[in-house]
Amino acid sequence: MSARFKHKRMYAVSLDRVGIIAGTMAYSRKAAIECFTPLGQWEMYKRSGYRTVLAKVQVIDKRTPGVR
């Protein structure tokens, strides 16, 4: 049986285009910012170099026949 692939577009917060800040993956840009920082402080982080980035997530579902 072949693996099923699900492609999702999610947003995250990154610094200097290196890596994705843990815990910021969200389905919208606004939600990613809210996960990363309290409301109202995003402008301060933005001046420090933080940016929202679009992340492509690929979920691979490898189901074994007979196992649920």
N, C-alpha and C. Protein backbone atom coordinates (compact mmCIF):
# COMPACT_ATOMS: atom_id res chain seq x y z
N MET A 1 0.84 -1.18 0.00
CA MET A 1 0.00 0.00 0.00
C MET A 1 0.89 1.25 0.00
N SER A 2 0.59 2.19 -0.83
CA SER A 2 1.41 3.40 -0.91
C SER A 2 1.07 4.39 0.21
N ALA A 3 2.04 5.23 0.51
CA ALA A 3 1.85 6.24 1.55
C ALA A 3 0.97 7.37 1.02
N ARG A 4 0.17 7.93 1.91
CA ARG A 4 -0.66 9.08 1.54
C ARG A 4 0.08 10.35 1.92
N PHE A 5 0.03 11.33 1.05
CA PHE A 5 0.70 12.60 1.31
C PHE A 5 -0.34 13.70 1.46
N LYS A 6 -0.18 14.51 2.47
CA LYS A 6 -1.05 15.66 2.66
C LYS A 6 -0.16 16.89 2.72
N HIS A 7 -0.38 17.82 1.82
CA HIS A 7 0.41 19.05 1.80
C HIS A 7 -0.39 20.15 2.47
N LYS A 8 0.21 20.82 3.43
CA LYS A 8 -0.46 21.90 4.14
C LYS A 8 0.41 23.14 4.09
N ARG A 9 -0.23 24.28 4.03
CA ARG A 9 0.49 25.54 4.10
C ARG A 9 0.29 26.11 5.49
N MET A 10 1.38 26.36 6.18
CA MET A 10 1.31 26.90 7.52
C MET A 10 2.27 28.08 7.63
N TYR A 11 2.05 28.87 8.65
CA TYR A 11 2.89 30.05 8.87
C TYR A 11 3.68 29.88 10.17
N ALA A 12 4.85 30.52 10.21
CA ALA A 12 5.69 30.44 11.40
C ALA A 12 6.46 31.74 11.52
N VAL A 13 7.21 31.88 12.60
CA VAL A 13 8.05 33.05 12.82
C VAL A 13 9.50 32.61 12.71
N SER A 14 10.32 33.41 12.02
CA SER A 14 11.71 33.07 11.80
C SER A 14 12.57 34.31 12.05
N LEU A 15 13.83 34.09 12.35
CA LEU A 15 14.78 35.18 12.57
C LEU A 15 15.90 35.05 11.56
N ASP A 16 16.10 36.09 10.74
CA ASP A 16 17.16 36.11 9.72
C ASP A 16 17.08 34.92 8.76
N ARG A 17 15.90 34.49 8.44
CA ARG A 17 15.66 33.39 7.49
C ARG A 17 16.32 32.08 7.91
N VAL A 18 16.62 31.95 9.17
CA VAL A 18 17.26 30.72 9.65
C VAL A 18 16.30 30.02 10.60
N GLY A 19 15.87 28.85 10.20
CA GLY A 19 15.02 28.03 11.06
C GLY A 19 13.65 28.62 11.31
N ILE A 20 12.86 27.89 12.00
CA ILE A 20 11.52 28.30 12.39
C ILE A 20 11.45 28.24 13.90
N ILE A 21 10.98 29.31 14.51
CA ILE A 21 10.88 29.36 15.96
C ILE A 21 9.88 28.30 16.44
N ALA A 22 10.32 27.45 17.35
CA ALA A 22 9.48 26.34 17.84
C ALA A 22 8.20 26.88 18.44
N GLY A 23 7.13 26.20 18.16
CA GLY A 23 5.84 26.55 18.74
C GLY A 23 5.07 27.62 17.99
N THR A 24 5.57 28.04 16.80
CA THR A 24 4.86 29.09 16.08
C THR A 24 4.11 28.59 14.85
N MET A 25 4.11 27.32 14.58
CA MET A 25 3.41 26.82 13.41
C MET A 25 1.91 27.04 13.58
N ALA A 26 1.29 27.69 12.60
CA ALA A 26 -0.14 27.98 12.67
C ALA A 26 -0.70 28.05 11.25
N TYR A 27 -2.02 28.01 11.15
CA TYR A 27 -2.66 28.02 9.83
C TYR A 27 -2.86 29.42 9.28
N SER A 28 -2.54 30.46 10.06
CA SER A 28 -2.63 31.82 9.56
C SER A 28 -1.46 32.63 10.10
N ARG A 29 -1.14 33.71 9.40
CA ARG A 29 -0.03 34.57 9.82
C ARG A 29 -0.32 35.19 11.18
N LYS A 30 -1.54 35.64 11.38
CA LYS A 30 -1.93 36.27 12.64
C LYS A 30 -1.81 35.29 13.81
N ALA A 31 -2.23 34.06 13.60
CA ALA A 31 -2.15 33.05 14.65
C ALA A 31 -0.69 32.71 14.99
N ALA A 32 0.20 32.71 13.98
CA ALA A 32 1.62 32.43 14.23
C ALA A 32 2.22 33.53 15.10
N ILE A 33 1.85 34.78 14.82
CA ILE A 33 2.35 35.90 15.62
C ILE A 33 1.84 35.79 17.06
N GLU A 34 0.58 35.41 17.22
CA GLU A 34 0.00 35.27 18.56
C GLU A 34 0.65 34.14 19.35
N CYS A 35 1.08 33.07 18.66
CA CYS A 35 1.77 31.97 19.34
C CYS A 35 3.15 32.41 19.81
N PHE A 36 3.78 33.28 19.05
CA PHE A 36 5.16 33.68 19.32
C PHE A 36 5.26 34.75 20.41
N THR A 37 4.38 35.73 20.38
CA THR A 37 4.52 36.87 21.27
C THR A 37 3.16 37.36 21.76
N PRO A 38 3.10 37.96 22.92
CA PRO A 38 1.83 38.56 23.38
C PRO A 38 1.36 39.65 22.42
N LEU A 39 0.07 39.86 22.36
CA LEU A 39 -0.48 40.87 21.46
C LEU A 39 0.11 42.24 21.75
N GLY A 40 0.34 42.99 20.72
CA GLY A 40 0.83 44.34 20.87
C GLY A 40 2.34 44.48 20.88
N GLN A 41 3.08 43.38 20.97
CA GLN A 41 4.54 43.45 21.00
C GLN A 41 5.19 43.04 19.68
N TRP A 42 4.40 42.69 18.68
CA TRP A 42 4.96 42.21 17.42
C TRP A 42 5.83 43.26 16.73
N GLU A 43 5.43 44.54 16.79
CA GLU A 43 6.21 45.59 16.13
C GLU A 43 7.64 45.66 16.68
N MET A 44 7.80 45.46 17.98
CA MET A 44 9.12 45.47 18.59
C MET A 44 9.97 44.30 18.05
N TYR A 45 9.38 43.13 17.96
CA TYR A 45 10.10 41.96 17.44
C TYR A 45 10.42 42.14 15.96
N LYS A 46 9.50 42.76 15.22
CA LYS A 46 9.71 42.98 13.79
C LYS A 46 10.93 43.89 13.56
N ARG A 47 11.08 44.90 14.38
CA ARG A 47 12.25 45.79 14.27
C ARG A 47 13.54 45.04 14.60
N SER A 48 13.44 43.98 15.41
CA SER A 48 14.63 43.19 15.77
C SER A 48 15.01 42.19 14.69
N GLY A 49 14.19 42.04 13.65
CA GLY A 49 14.53 41.14 12.55
C GLY A 49 13.64 39.92 12.42
N TYR A 50 12.67 39.75 13.30
CA TYR A 50 11.77 38.60 13.18
C TYR A 50 10.78 38.83 12.05
N ARG A 51 10.47 37.75 11.32
CA ARG A 51 9.53 37.82 10.21
C ARG A 51 8.62 36.59 10.24
N THR A 52 7.46 36.74 9.63
CA THR A 52 6.61 35.57 9.44
C THR A 52 7.00 34.93 8.12
N VAL A 53 6.99 33.62 8.09
CA VAL A 53 7.36 32.88 6.88
C VAL A 53 6.29 31.84 6.58
N LEU A 54 6.15 31.54 5.31
CA LEU A 54 5.23 30.51 4.87
C LEU A 54 5.98 29.19 4.83
N ALA A 55 5.52 28.22 5.58
CA ALA A 55 6.17 26.91 5.63
C ALA A 55 5.30 25.87 4.94
N LYS A 56 5.91 25.05 4.14
CA LYS A 56 5.18 23.96 3.49
C LYS A 56 5.37 22.70 4.31
N VAL A 57 4.29 22.16 4.80
CA VAL A 57 4.34 20.98 5.65
C VAL A 57 3.82 19.79 4.86
N GLN A 58 4.57 18.70 4.90
CA GLN A 58 4.16 17.48 4.21
C GLN A 58 3.97 16.39 5.26
N VAL A 59 2.74 15.92 5.38
CA VAL A 59 2.41 14.85 6.32
C VAL A 59 2.35 13.55 5.54
N ILE A 60 3.14 12.58 5.96
CA ILE A 60 3.16 11.28 5.29
C ILE A 60 2.48 10.27 6.19
N ASP A 61 1.45 9.68 5.67
CA ASP A 61 0.67 8.69 6.42
C ASP A 61 1.01 7.32 5.87
N LYS A 62 1.80 6.55 6.61
CA LYS A 62 2.19 5.21 6.18
C LYS A 62 1.36 4.20 6.95
N ARG A 63 0.30 3.82 6.36
CA ARG A 63 -0.58 2.83 7.02
C ARG A 63 -0.19 1.43 6.60
N THR A 64 -0.09 0.58 7.59
CA THR A 64 0.24 -0.82 7.33
C THR A 64 -1.06 -1.59 7.14
N PRO A 65 -1.14 -2.42 6.10
CA PRO A 65 -2.37 -3.19 5.88
C PRO A 65 -2.70 -4.03 7.13
N GLY A 66 -3.95 -3.97 7.54
CA GLY A 66 -4.40 -4.76 8.68
C GLY A 66 -4.22 -4.06 10.02
N VAL A 67 -3.55 -2.94 10.07
CA VAL A 67 -3.34 -2.22 11.32
C VAL A 67 -4.11 -0.92 11.27
N ARG A 68 -4.83 -0.63 12.35
CA ARG A 68 -5.61 0.61 12.39
C ARG A 68 -5.15 1.48 13.50
